[in-house]
Amino acid sequence: MPTKKNTTASTWIDPDEAPHLDREWFERADLYEAGKLIRRGGRPKKATPKEAVNIRLDPDIVAHFRAGGPGWQSRINAALRKAAGL
């Protein structure tokens, strides 16, 4: 008859070695109320956030920028800014 392995073994961590939880840590934390997410922590909000838009581009244009790898949308944004003189 097979025997069960003990799966409750865990490594003890000294609570004195825990990271210091300062005001900044709590400001970035997710906030829940009654189990419902109220506010998600994370990156600070930008002063001028980007706007999500839909735009139709020729397939060869999209292929050119995607061939450059990750960040292709940012490169399109930079090319548009340069073309607009911004």
PDB file of N, CA and C in Angstrom:
ATOM      1  N   MET A   1       0.839  -1.170   0.000  1.00  0.00           N
ATOM      2  CA  MET A   1       0.000   0.000   0.000  1.00  0.00           C
ATOM      3  C   MET A   1       0.894   1.246   0.000  1.00  0.00           C
ATOM      4  N   PRO A   2       0.650   2.193  -0.949  1.00  0.00           N
ATOM      5  CA  PRO A   2       1.485   3.396  -0.982  1.00  0.00           C
ATOM      6  C   PRO A   2       1.222   4.298   0.228  1.00  0.00           C
ATOM      7  N   THR A   3       2.263   4.960   0.643  1.00  0.00           N
ATOM      8  CA  THR A   3       2.124   5.887   1.772  1.00  0.00           C
ATOM      9  C   THR A   3       2.141   7.313   1.253  1.00  0.00           C
ATOM     10  N   LYS A   4       1.433   8.182   1.952  1.00  0.00           N
ATOM     11  CA  LYS A   4       1.383   9.585   1.556  1.00  0.00           C
ATOM     12  C   LYS A   4       2.630  10.308   2.056  1.00  0.00           C
ATOM     13  N   LYS A   5       3.115  11.202   1.210  1.00  0.00           N
ATOM     14  CA  LYS A   5       4.243  12.026   1.615  1.00  0.00           C
ATOM     15  C   LYS A   5       3.716  13.234   2.373  1.00  0.00           C
ATOM     16  N   ASN A   6       4.497  13.693   3.318  1.00  0.00           N
ATOM     17  CA  ASN A   6       4.118  14.879   4.083  1.00  0.00           C
ATOM     18  C   ASN A   6       4.323  16.110   3.199  1.00  0.00           C
ATOM     19  N   THR A   7       3.232  16.778   2.795  1.00  0.00           N
ATOM     20  CA  THR A   7       3.326  17.936   1.892  1.00  0.00           C
ATOM     21  C   THR A   7       3.191  19.259   2.628  1.00  0.00           C
ATOM     22  N   THR A   8       3.118  19.233   3.935  1.00  0.00           N
ATOM     23  CA  THR A   8       2.943  20.471   4.688  1.00  0.00           C
ATOM     24  C   THR A   8       4.258  21.072   5.159  1.00  0.00           C
ATOM     25  N   ALA A   9       5.352  20.470   4.761  1.00  0.00           N
ATOM     26  CA  ALA A   9       6.650  20.993   5.189  1.00  0.00           C
ATOM     27  C   ALA A   9       6.883  22.366   4.567  1.00  0.00           C
ATOM     28  N   SER A  10       7.310  23.338   5.372  1.00  0.00           N
ATOM     29  CA  SER A  10       7.616  24.663   4.867  1.00  0.00           C
ATOM     30  C   SER A  10       8.893  25.163   5.534  1.00  0.00           C
ATOM     31  N   THR A  11       9.517  26.093   4.870  1.00  0.00           N
ATOM     32  CA  THR A  11      10.741  26.664   5.401  1.00  0.00           C
ATOM     33  C   THR A  11      10.377  27.834   6.306  1.00  0.00           C
ATOM     34  N   TRP A  12      10.911  27.840   7.497  1.00  0.00           N
ATOM     35  CA  TRP A  12      10.624  28.906   8.444  1.00  0.00           C
ATOM     36  C   TRP A  12      11.406  30.141   8.057  1.00  0.00           C
ATOM     37  N   ILE A  13      10.750  31.299   8.079  1.00  0.00           N
ATOM     38  CA  ILE A  13      11.397  32.569   7.766  1.00  0.00           C
ATOM     39  C   ILE A  13      11.292  33.458   8.996  1.00  0.00           C
ATOM     40  N   ASP A  14      12.407  34.017   9.379  1.00  0.00           N
ATOM     41  CA  ASP A  14      12.462  34.879  10.551  1.00  0.00           C
ATOM     42  C   ASP A  14      11.683  36.170  10.266  1.00  0.00           C
ATOM     43  N   PRO A  15      10.658  36.500  11.051  1.00  0.00           N
ATOM     44  CA  PRO A  15       9.895  37.721  10.797  1.00  0.00           C
ATOM     45  C   PRO A  15      10.727  38.996  10.931  1.00  0.00           C
ATOM     46  N   ASP A  16      11.843  38.929  11.642  1.00  0.00           N
ATOM     47  CA  ASP A  16      12.706  40.101  11.764  1.00  0.00           C
ATOM     48  C   ASP A  16      13.409  40.425  10.447  1.00  0.00           C
ATOM     49  N   GLU A  17      13.426  39.461   9.518  1.00  0.00           N
ATOM     50  CA  GLU A  17      14.071  39.680   8.233  1.00  0.00           C
ATOM     51  C   GLU A  17      13.078  40.127   7.165  1.00  0.00           C
ATOM     52  N   ALA A  18      11.838  40.356   7.543  1.00  0.00           N
ATOM     53  CA  ALA A  18      10.817  40.817   6.586  1.00  0.00           C
ATOM     54  C   ALA A  18      11.144  42.230   6.131  1.00  0.00           C
ATOM     55  N   PRO A  19      10.747  42.582   4.908  1.00  0.00           N
ATOM     56  CA  PRO A  19      11.019  43.941   4.439  1.00  0.00           C
ATOM     57  C   PRO A  19      10.227  44.958   5.240  1.00  0.00           C
ATOM     58  N   HIS A  20      10.763  46.161   5.326  1.00  0.00           N
ATOM     59  CA  HIS A  20      10.095  47.243   6.043  1.00  0.00           C
ATOM     60  C   HIS A  20       8.920  47.732   5.203  1.00  0.00           C
ATOM     61  N   LEU A  21       7.742  47.792   5.796  1.00  0.00           N
ATOM     62  CA  LEU A  21       6.556  48.258   5.086  1.00  0.00           C
ATOM     63  C   LEU A  21       6.347  49.736   5.417  1.00  0.00           C
ATOM     64  N   ASP A  22       6.744  50.584   4.480  1.00  0.00           N
ATOM     65  CA  ASP A  22       6.633  52.021   4.697  1.00  0.00           C
ATOM     66  C   ASP A  22       5.390  52.588   4.006  1.00  0.00           C
ATOM     67  N   ARG A  23       5.203  53.887   4.096  1.00  0.00           N
ATOM     68  CA  ARG A  23       4.031  54.552   3.520  1.00  0.00           C
ATOM     69  C   ARG A  23       3.945  54.314   2.016  1.00  0.00           C
ATOM     70  N   GLU A  24       5.069  54.374   1.334  1.00  0.00           N
ATOM     71  CA  GLU A  24       5.087  54.168  -0.114  1.00  0.00           C
ATOM     72  C   GLU A  24       4.587  52.776  -0.479  1.00  0.00           C
ATOM     73  N   TRP A  25       4.962  51.766   0.297  1.00  0.00           N
ATOM     74  CA  TRP A  25       4.523  50.396   0.034  1.00  0.00           C
ATOM     75  C   TRP A  25       3.000  50.302   0.138  1.00  0.00           C
ATOM     76  N   PHE A  26       2.418  50.908   1.154  1.00  0.00           N
ATOM     77  CA  PHE A  26       0.972  50.853   1.333  1.00  0.00           C
ATOM     78  C   PHE A  26       0.240  51.656   0.260  1.00  0.00           C
ATOM     79  N   GLU A  27       0.834  52.746  -0.220  1.00  0.00           N
ATOM     80  CA  GLU A  27       0.207  53.539  -1.280  1.00  0.00           C
ATOM     81  C   GLU A  27       0.157  52.775  -2.589  1.00  0.00           C
ATOM     82  N   ARG A  28       1.096  51.855  -2.819  1.00  0.00           N
ATOM     83  CA  ARG A  28       1.124  51.071  -4.049  1.00  0.00           C
ATOM     84  C   ARG A  28       0.320  49.777  -3.936  1.00  0.00           C
ATOM     85  N   ALA A  29      -0.160  49.445  -2.762  1.00  0.00           N
ATOM     86  CA  ALA A  29      -0.848  48.171  -2.538  1.00  0.00           C
ATOM     87  C   ALA A  29      -2.268  48.189  -3.103  1.00  0.00           C
ATOM     88  N   ASP A  30      -2.779  46.995  -3.447  1.00  0.00           N
ATOM     89  CA  ASP A  30      -4.167  46.849  -3.860  1.00  0.00           C
ATOM     90  C   ASP A  30      -5.057  47.055  -2.639  1.00  0.00           C
ATOM     91  N   LEU A  31      -6.189  47.693  -2.840  1.00  0.00           N
ATOM     92  CA  LEU A  31      -7.113  47.962  -1.746  1.00  0.00           C
ATOM     93  C   LEU A  31      -8.401  47.179  -1.976  1.00  0.00           C
ATOM     94  N   TYR A  32      -8.760  46.350  -1.008  1.00  0.00           N
ATOM     95  CA  TYR A  32      -9.982  45.539  -1.083  1.00  0.00           C
ATOM     96  C   TYR A  32     -10.941  45.965   0.007  1.00  0.00           C
ATOM     97  N   GLU A  33     -12.237  45.932  -0.314  1.00  0.00           N
ATOM     98  CA  GLU A  33     -13.270  46.186   0.677  1.00  0.00           C
ATOM     99  C   GLU A  33     -14.316  45.089   0.525  1.00  0.00           C
ATOM    100  N   ALA A  34     -14.510  44.310   1.585  1.00  0.00           N
ATOM    101  CA  ALA A  34     -15.451  43.180   1.579  1.00  0.00           C
ATOM    102  C   ALA A  34     -15.137  42.210   0.437  1.00  0.00           C
ATOM    103  N   GLY A  35     -13.860  41.982   0.190  1.00  0.00           N
ATOM    104  CA  GLY A  35     -13.436  41.035  -0.839  1.00  0.00           C
ATOM    105  C   GLY A  35     -13.487  41.579  -2.254  1.00  0.00           C
ATOM    106  N   LYS A  36     -13.901  42.840  -2.435  1.00  0.00           N
ATOM    107  CA  LYS A  36     -13.989  43.438  -3.761  1.00  0.00           C
ATOM    108  C   LYS A  36     -12.838  44.425  -3.956  1.00  0.00           C
ATOM    109  N   LEU A  37     -12.180  44.323  -5.117  1.00  0.00           N
ATOM    110  CA  LEU A  37     -11.065  45.216  -5.427  1.00  0.00           C
ATOM    111  C   LEU A  37     -11.588  46.633  -5.629  1.00  0.00           C
ATOM    112  N   ILE A  38     -11.100  47.544  -4.811  1.00  0.00           N
ATOM    113  CA  ILE A  38     -11.505  48.944  -4.885  1.00  0.00           C
ATOM    114  C   ILE A  38     -10.487  49.762  -5.669  1.00  0.00           C
ATOM    115  N   ARG A  39      -9.209  49.515  -5.422  1.00  0.00           N
ATOM    116  CA  ARG A  39      -8.153  50.267  -6.085  1.00  0.00           C
ATOM    117  C   ARG A  39      -6.965  49.345  -6.304  1.00  0.00           C
ATOM    118  N   ARG A  40      -6.435  49.374  -7.498  1.00  0.00           N
ATOM    119  CA  ARG A  40      -5.264  48.568  -7.808  1.00  0.00           C
ATOM    120  C   ARG A  40      -4.031  49.430  -7.623  1.00  0.00           C
ATOM    121  N   GLY A  41      -3.063  48.872  -6.905  1.00  0.00           N
ATOM    122  CA  GLY A  41      -1.788  49.561  -6.727  1.00  0.00           C
ATOM    123  C   GLY A  41      -0.972  49.443  -8.004  1.00  0.00           C
ATOM    124  N   GLY A  42       0.263  49.739  -7.946  1.00  0.00           N
ATOM    125  CA  GLY A  42       1.111  49.583  -9.118  1.00  0.00           C
ATOM    126  C   GLY A  42       1.779  50.874  -9.518  1.00  0.00           C
ATOM    127  N   ARG A  43       1.912  51.045 -10.810  1.00  0.00           N
ATOM    128  CA  ARG A  43       2.624  52.201 -11.324  1.00  0.00           C
ATOM    129  C   ARG A  43       1.914  53.498 -10.961  1.00  0.00           C
ATOM    130  N   PRO A  44       2.705  54.531 -10.749  1.00  0.00           N
ATOM    131  CA  PRO A  44       2.084  55.837 -10.526  1.00  0.00           C
ATOM    132  C   PRO A  44       1.426  56.325 -11.817  1.00  0.00           C
ATOM    133  N   LYS A  45       0.375  57.092 -11.695  1.00  0.00           N
ATOM    134  CA  LYS A  45      -0.331  57.629 -12.857  1.00  0.00           C
ATOM    135  C   LYS A  45       0.512  58.717 -13.513  1.00  0.00           C
ATOM    136  N   LYS A  46       0.511  58.705 -14.852  1.00  0.00           N
ATOM    137  CA  LYS A  46       1.228  59.728 -15.598  1.00  0.00           C
ATOM    138  C   LYS A  46       0.426  61.020 -15.622  1.00  0.00           C
ATOM    139  N   ALA A  47       1.128  62.134 -15.751  1.00  0.00           N
ATOM    140  CA  ALA A  47       0.467  63.429 -15.849  1.00  0.00           C
ATOM    141  C   ALA A  47      -0.299  63.526 -17.166  1.00  0.00           C
ATOM    142  N   THR A  48       0.240  62.943 -18.221  1.00  0.00           N
ATOM    143  CA  THR A  48      -0.416  62.939 -19.530  1.00  0.00           C
ATOM    144  C   THR A  48      -0.494  61.500 -20.029  1.00  0.00           C
ATOM    145  N   PRO A  49      -1.507  60.742 -19.586  1.00  0.00           N
ATOM    146  CA  PRO A  49      -1.599  59.342 -20.010  1.00  0.00           C
ATOM    147  C   PRO A  49      -1.927  59.239 -21.498  1.00  0.00           C
ATOM    148  N   LYS A  50      -1.509  58.123 -22.095  1.00  0.00           N
ATOM    149  CA  LYS A  50      -1.791  57.908 -23.514  1.00  0.00           C
ATOM    150  C   LYS A  50      -3.259  57.562 -23.688  1.00  0.00           C
ATOM    151  N   GLU A  51      -3.767  57.857 -24.865  1.00  0.00           N
ATOM    152  CA  GLU A  51      -5.166  57.618 -25.176  1.00  0.00           C
ATOM    153  C   GLU A  51      -5.260  56.403 -26.097  1.00  0.00           C
ATOM    154  N   ALA A  52      -6.144  55.473 -25.780  1.00  0.00           N
ATOM    155  CA  ALA A  52      -6.349  54.287 -26.615  1.00  0.00           C
ATOM    156  C   ALA A  52      -7.230  54.677 -27.799  1.00  0.00           C
ATOM    157  N   VAL A  53      -6.736  54.393 -29.007  1.00  0.00           N
ATOM    158  CA  VAL A  53      -7.491  54.691 -30.231  1.00  0.00           C
ATOM    159  C   VAL A  53      -7.407  53.494 -31.174  1.00  0.00           C
ATOM    160  N   ASN A  54      -8.341  53.451 -32.108  1.00  0.00           N
ATOM    161  CA  ASN A  54      -8.286  52.459 -33.187  1.00  0.00           C
ATOM    162  C   ASN A  54      -7.878  53.187 -34.453  1.00  0.00           C
ATOM    163  N   ILE A  55      -6.909  52.622 -35.166  1.00  0.00           N
ATOM    164  CA  ILE A  55      -6.431  53.245 -36.398  1.00  0.00           C
ATOM    165  C   ILE A  55      -6.156  52.135 -37.411  1.00  0.00           C
ATOM    166  N   ARG A  56      -6.489  52.380 -38.656  1.00  0.00           N
ATOM    167  CA  ARG A  56      -6.259  51.389 -39.714  1.00  0.00           C
ATOM    168  C   ARG A  56      -4.972  51.781 -40.456  1.00  0.00           C
ATOM    169  N   LEU A  57      -4.040  50.834 -40.494  1.00  0.00           N
ATOM    170  CA  LEU A  57      -2.765  51.052 -41.174  1.00  0.00           C
ATOM    171  C   LEU A  57      -2.577  49.977 -42.231  1.00  0.00           C
ATOM    172  N   ASP A  58      -1.788  50.291 -43.252  1.00  0.00           N
ATOM    173  CA  ASP A  58      -1.480  49.298 -44.280  1.00  0.00           C
ATOM    174  C   ASP A  58      -0.718  48.140 -43.656  1.00  0.00           C
ATOM    175  N   PRO A  59      -0.971  46.909 -44.132  1.00  0.00           N
ATOM    176  CA  PRO A  59      -0.309  45.731 -43.549  1.00  0.00           C
ATOM    177  C   PRO A  59       1.217  45.797 -43.599  1.00  0.00           C
ATOM    178  N   ASP A  60       1.794  46.368 -44.661  1.00  0.00           N
ATOM    179  CA  ASP A  60       3.247  46.435 -44.748  1.00  0.00           C
ATOM    180  C   ASP A  60       3.829  47.401 -43.709  1.00  0.00           C
ATOM    181  N   ILE A  61       3.086  48.443 -43.354  1.00  0.00           N
ATOM    182  CA  ILE A  61       3.542  49.374 -42.312  1.00  0.00           C
ATOM    183  C   ILE A  61       3.583  48.661 -40.969  1.00  0.00           C
ATOM    184  N   VAL A  62       2.501  47.956 -40.652  1.00  0.00           N
ATOM    185  CA  VAL A  62       2.435  47.227 -39.376  1.00  0.00           C
ATOM    186  C   VAL A  62       3.525  46.158 -39.331  1.00  0.00           C
ATOM    187  N   ALA A  63       3.716  45.435 -40.426  1.00  0.00           N
ATOM    188  CA  ALA A  63       4.745  44.382 -40.478  1.00  0.00           C
ATOM    189  C   ALA A  63       6.135  44.974 -40.248  1.00  0.00           C
ATOM    190  N   HIS A  64       6.383  46.153 -40.831  1.00  0.00           N
ATOM    191  CA  HIS A  64       7.694  46.806 -40.663  1.00  0.00           C
ATOM    192  C   HIS A  64       7.973  47.110 -39.191  1.00  0.00           C
ATOM    193  N   PHE A  65       7.004  47.698 -38.504  1.00  0.00           N
ATOM    194  CA  PHE A  65       7.213  48.054 -37.099  1.00  0.00           C
ATOM    195  C   PHE A  65       7.237  46.822 -36.198  1.00  0.00           C
ATOM    196  N   ARG A  66       6.396  45.827 -36.482  1.00  0.00           N
ATOM    197  CA  ARG A  66       6.386  44.606 -35.666  1.00  0.00           C
ATOM    198  C   ARG A  66       7.679  43.808 -35.825  1.00  0.00           C
ATOM    199  N   ALA A  67       8.312  43.920 -36.986  1.00  0.00           N
ATOM    200  CA  ALA A  67       9.563  43.192 -37.218  1.00  0.00           C
ATOM    201  C   ALA A  67      10.659  43.666 -36.272  1.00  0.00           C
ATOM    202  N   GLY A  68      10.521  44.856 -35.752  1.00  0.00           N
ATOM    203  CA  GLY A  68      11.500  45.390 -34.808  1.00  0.00           C
ATOM    204  C   GLY A  68      11.372  44.811 -33.412  1.00  0.00           C
ATOM    205  N   GLY A  69      10.341  43.993 -33.184  1.00  0.00           N
ATOM    206  CA  GLY A  69      10.163  43.352 -31.880  1.00  0.00           C
ATOM    207  C   GLY A  69       9.314  44.173 -30.931  1.00  0.00           C
ATOM    208  N   PRO A  70       9.394  43.823 -29.639  1.00  0.00           N
ATOM    209  CA  PRO A  70       8.579  44.521 -28.645  1.00  0.00           C
ATOM    210  C   PRO A  70       8.827  46.030 -28.665  1.00  0.00           C
ATOM    211  N   GLY A  71       7.771  46.777 -28.405  1.00  0.00           N
ATOM    212  CA  GLY A  71       7.872  48.229 -28.424  1.00  0.00           C
ATOM    213  C   GLY A  71       7.476  48.828 -29.759  1.00  0.00           C
ATOM    214  N   TRP A  72       6.905  48.002 -30.648  1.00  0.00           N
ATOM    215  CA  TRP A  72       6.572  48.499 -31.978  1.00  0.00           C
ATOM    216  C   TRP A  72       5.521  49.597 -31.935  1.00  0.00           C
ATOM    217  N   GLN A  73       4.593  49.534 -30.989  1.00  0.00           N
ATOM    218  CA  GLN A  73       3.580  50.584 -30.903  1.00  0.00           C
ATOM    219  C   GLN A  73       4.202  51.916 -30.473  1.00  0.00           C
ATOM    220  N   SER A  74       5.181  51.843 -29.579  1.00  0.00           N
ATOM    221  CA  SER A  74       5.878  53.063 -29.159  1.00  0.00           C
ATOM    222  C   SER A  74       6.676  53.648 -30.321  1.00  0.00           C
ATOM    223  N   ARG A  75       7.232  52.787 -31.165  1.00  0.00           N
ATOM    224  CA  ARG A  75       7.974  53.289 -32.331  1.00  0.00           C
ATOM    225  C   ARG A  75       7.032  53.949 -33.330  1.00  0.00           C
ATOM    226  N   ILE A  76       5.828  53.402 -33.493  1.00  0.00           N
ATOM    227  CA  ILE A  76       4.842  54.058 -34.362  1.00  0.00           C
ATOM    228  C   ILE A  76       4.494  55.424 -33.775  1.00  0.00           C
ATOM    229  N   ASN A  77       4.310  55.480 -32.466  1.00  0.00           N
ATOM    230  CA  ASN A  77       3.996  56.759 -31.812  1.00  0.00           C
ATOM    231  C   ASN A  77       5.115  57.767 -32.057  1.00  0.00           C
ATOM    232  N   ALA A  78       6.377  57.331 -31.926  1.00  0.00           N
ATOM    233  CA  ALA A  78       7.507  58.229 -32.152  1.00  0.00           C
ATOM    234  C   ALA A  78       7.548  58.708 -33.591  1.00  0.00           C
ATOM    235  N   ALA A  79       7.254  57.808 -34.563  1.00  0.00           N
ATOM    236  CA  ALA A  79       7.264  58.187 -35.974  1.00  0.00           C
ATOM    237  C   ALA A  79       6.151  59.193 -36.265  1.00  0.00           C
ATOM    238  N   LEU A  80       4.992  59.012 -35.646  1.00  0.00           N
ATOM    239  CA  LEU A  80       3.887  59.951 -35.825  1.00  0.00           C
ATOM    240  C   LEU A  80       4.222  61.318 -35.215  1.00  0.00           C
ATOM    241  N   ARG A  81       4.853  61.315 -34.051  1.00  0.00           N
ATOM    242  CA  ARG A  81       5.251  62.587 -33.413  1.00  0.00           C
ATOM    243  C   ARG A  81       6.247  63.334 -34.314  1.00  0.00           C
ATOM    244  N   LYS A  82       7.206  62.582 -34.880  1.00  0.00           N
ATOM    245  CA  LYS A  82       8.214  63.201 -35.738  1.00  0.00           C
ATOM    246  C   LYS A  82       7.550  63.772 -37.010  1.00  0.00           C
ATOM    247  N   ALA A  83       6.616  63.001 -37.591  1.00  0.00           N
ATOM    248  CA  ALA A  83       5.926  63.451 -38.797  1.00  0.00           C
ATOM    249  C   ALA A  83       5.055  64.692 -38.530  1.00  0.00           C
ATOM    250  N   ALA A  84       4.504  64.778 -37.324  1.00  0.00           N
ATOM    251  CA  ALA A  84       3.664  65.908 -36.946  1.00  0.00           C
ATOM    252  C   ALA A  84       4.492  67.109 -36.485  1.00  0.00           C
ATOM    253  N   GLY A  85       5.789  66.901 -36.299  1.00  0.00           N
ATOM    254  CA  GLY A  85       6.659  67.986 -35.834  1.00  0.00           C
ATOM    255  C   GLY A  85       6.519  68.273 -34.361  1.00  0.00           C
ATOM    256  N   LEU A  86       6.158  67.259 -33.576  1.00  0.00           N
ATOM    257  CA  LEU A  86       5.996  67.431 -32.116  1.00  0.00           C
ATOM    258  C   LEU A  86       7.222  66.964 -31.367  1.00  0.00           C
TER     259      LEU A  86
END
